[in-house]
Amino acid sequence: MKLTAYPLTLRQLQYALAVAETRSFRRAAERCHVSQPALSAQLAQLEAVLGTTPGTRSPPRPGDRGRRGSCCSG
């Protein structure tokens, strides 16, 4: 059985989850303890690998503050 290396990382998936949960790149970056440009760059790489934008770049809904917690710590 041949194992194939996937060009994406667990960290990129955690960042995408944080953006989806908070609906904000800024809040997701704060939650993951990285700068917003670093988070955006990782998500751009993930989008390139997937060949699509996974719905993370939509505008926030009125009154949506996101959830508390941290998927990126530890």
C-alpha atoms as a PDB file:
ATOM      1  CA  MET A   1       0.000   0.000   0.000  1.00  0.00           C
ATOM      2  CA  LYS A   2       1.472   3.315  -1.064  1.00  0.00           C
ATOM      3  CA  LEU A   3       0.886   6.307   1.225  1.00  0.00           C
ATOM      4  CA  THR A   4       0.316   9.651  -0.455  1.00  0.00           C
ATOM      5  CA  ALA A   5       1.382  12.856   1.245  1.00  0.00           C
ATOM      6  CA  TYR A   6      -1.372  15.446   1.238  1.00  0.00           C
ATOM      7  CA  PRO A   7      -0.267  19.050   0.699  1.00  0.00           C
ATOM      8  CA  LEU A   8      -2.458  20.396   3.490  1.00  0.00           C
ATOM      9  CA  THR A   9      -1.935  20.565   7.207  1.00  0.00           C
ATOM     10  CA  LEU A  10      -4.009  20.040  10.297  1.00  0.00           C
ATOM     11  CA  ARG A  11      -3.222  23.648  11.247  1.00  0.00           C
ATOM     12  CA  GLN A  12      -4.803  24.896   7.991  1.00  0.00           C
ATOM     13  CA  LEU A  13      -7.950  22.929   8.768  1.00  0.00           C
ATOM     14  CA  GLN A  14      -8.005  24.346  12.302  1.00  0.00           C
ATOM     15  CA  TYR A  15      -7.731  27.871  10.895  1.00  0.00           C
ATOM     16  CA  ALA A  16     -10.589  27.196   8.458  1.00  0.00           C
ATOM     17  CA  LEU A  17     -12.707  25.877  11.319  1.00  0.00           C
ATOM     18  CA  ALA A  18     -11.943  28.952  13.428  1.00  0.00           C
ATOM     19  CA  VAL A  19     -12.984  31.261  10.562  1.00  0.00           C
ATOM     20  CA  ALA A  20     -16.171  29.271  10.017  1.00  0.00           C
ATOM     21  CA  GLU A  21     -17.060  29.357  13.712  1.00  0.00           C
ATOM     22  CA  THR A  22     -16.236  33.023  14.327  1.00  0.00           C
ATOM     23  CA  ARG A  23     -17.211  34.239  10.838  1.00  0.00           C
ATOM     24  CA  SER A  24     -14.300  36.673  11.061  1.00  0.00           C
ATOM     25  CA  PHE A  25     -10.696  36.416   9.934  1.00  0.00           C
ATOM     26  CA  ARG A  26      -9.641  38.861  12.659  1.00  0.00           C
ATOM     27  CA  ARG A  27     -11.374  36.961  15.466  1.00  0.00           C
ATOM     28  CA  ALA A  28     -10.172  33.624  14.096  1.00  0.00           C
ATOM     29  CA  ALA A  29      -6.589  34.901  14.060  1.00  0.00           C
ATOM     30  CA  GLU A  30      -6.934  36.113  17.653  1.00  0.00           C
ATOM     31  CA  ARG A  31      -8.426  32.777  18.671  1.00  0.00           C
ATOM     32  CA  CYS A  32      -5.585  30.859  17.017  1.00  0.00           C
ATOM     33  CA  HIS A  33      -2.892  33.220  18.369  1.00  0.00           C
ATOM     34  CA  VAL A  34      -1.554  34.188  14.932  1.00  0.00           C
ATOM     35  CA  SER A  35      -1.599  37.369  12.880  1.00  0.00           C
ATOM     36  CA  GLN A  36      -4.448  37.906  10.443  1.00  0.00           C
ATOM     37  CA  PRO A  37      -2.088  37.939   7.418  1.00  0.00           C
ATOM     38  CA  ALA A  38      -0.579  34.597   8.527  1.00  0.00           C
ATOM     39  CA  LEU A  39      -4.032  33.058   8.882  1.00  0.00           C
ATOM     40  CA  SER A  40      -5.093  34.422   5.477  1.00  0.00           C
ATOM     41  CA  ALA A  41      -1.958  33.048   3.815  1.00  0.00           C
ATOM     42  CA  GLN A  42      -2.555  29.570   5.242  1.00  0.00           C
ATOM     43  CA  LEU A  43      -6.180  29.618   4.117  1.00  0.00           C
ATOM     44  CA  ALA A  44      -5.140  30.762   0.636  1.00  0.00           C
ATOM     45  CA  GLN A  45      -2.820  27.737   0.438  1.00  0.00           C
ATOM     46  CA  LEU A  46      -5.646  25.458   1.591  1.00  0.00           C
ATOM     47  CA  GLU A  47      -7.979  26.959  -1.035  1.00  0.00           C
ATOM     48  CA  ALA A  48      -5.337  26.384  -3.728  1.00  0.00           C
ATOM     49  CA  VAL A  49      -4.963  22.728  -2.720  1.00  0.00           C
ATOM     50  CA  LEU A  50      -8.723  22.204  -2.678  1.00  0.00           C
ATOM     51  CA  GLY A  51      -9.193  24.155  -5.897  1.00  0.00           C
ATOM     52  CA  THR A  52     -12.056  26.105  -4.371  1.00  0.00           C
ATOM     53  CA  THR A  53     -12.998  28.625  -1.733  1.00  0.00           C
ATOM     54  CA  PRO A  54     -14.620  26.633   1.098  1.00  0.00           C
ATOM     55  CA  GLY A  55     -17.111  29.343   2.008  1.00  0.00           C
ATOM     56  CA  THR A  56     -14.858  31.119   4.490  1.00  0.00           C
ATOM     57  CA  ARG A  57     -14.854  34.480   2.767  1.00  0.00           C
ATOM     58  CA  SER A  58     -18.495  35.433   3.111  1.00  0.00           C
ATOM     59  CA  PRO A  59     -19.516  38.612   4.981  1.00  0.00           C
ATOM     60  CA  PRO A  60     -20.601  38.201   8.620  1.00  0.00           C
ATOM     61  CA  ARG A  61     -24.284  38.058   9.406  1.00  0.00           C
ATOM     62  CA  PRO A  62     -25.769  40.938  11.416  1.00  0.00           C
ATOM     63  CA  GLY A  63     -25.484  40.215  15.128  1.00  0.00           C
ATOM     64  CA  ASP A  64     -23.224  37.194  14.625  1.00  0.00           C
ATOM     65  CA  ARG A  65     -20.429  37.376  17.182  1.00  0.00           C
ATOM     66  CA  GLY A  66     -19.031  33.885  16.746  1.00  0.00           C
ATOM     67  CA  ARG A  67     -18.438  31.315  19.450  1.00  0.00           C
ATOM     68  CA  ARG A  68     -16.001  31.487  22.314  1.00  0.00           C
ATOM     69  CA  GLY A  69     -13.312  28.912  22.813  1.00  0.00           C
ATOM     70  CA  SER A  70     -10.190  27.960  20.998  1.00  0.00           C
ATOM     71  CA  CYS A  71      -9.784  25.242  18.434  1.00  0.00           C
ATOM     72  CA  CYS A  72      -6.193  26.258  17.791  1.00  0.00           C
ATOM     73  CA  SER A  73      -4.609  26.130  21.230  1.00  0.00           C
ATOM     74  CA  GLY A  74      -2.718  23.243  22.669  1.00  0.00           C
END
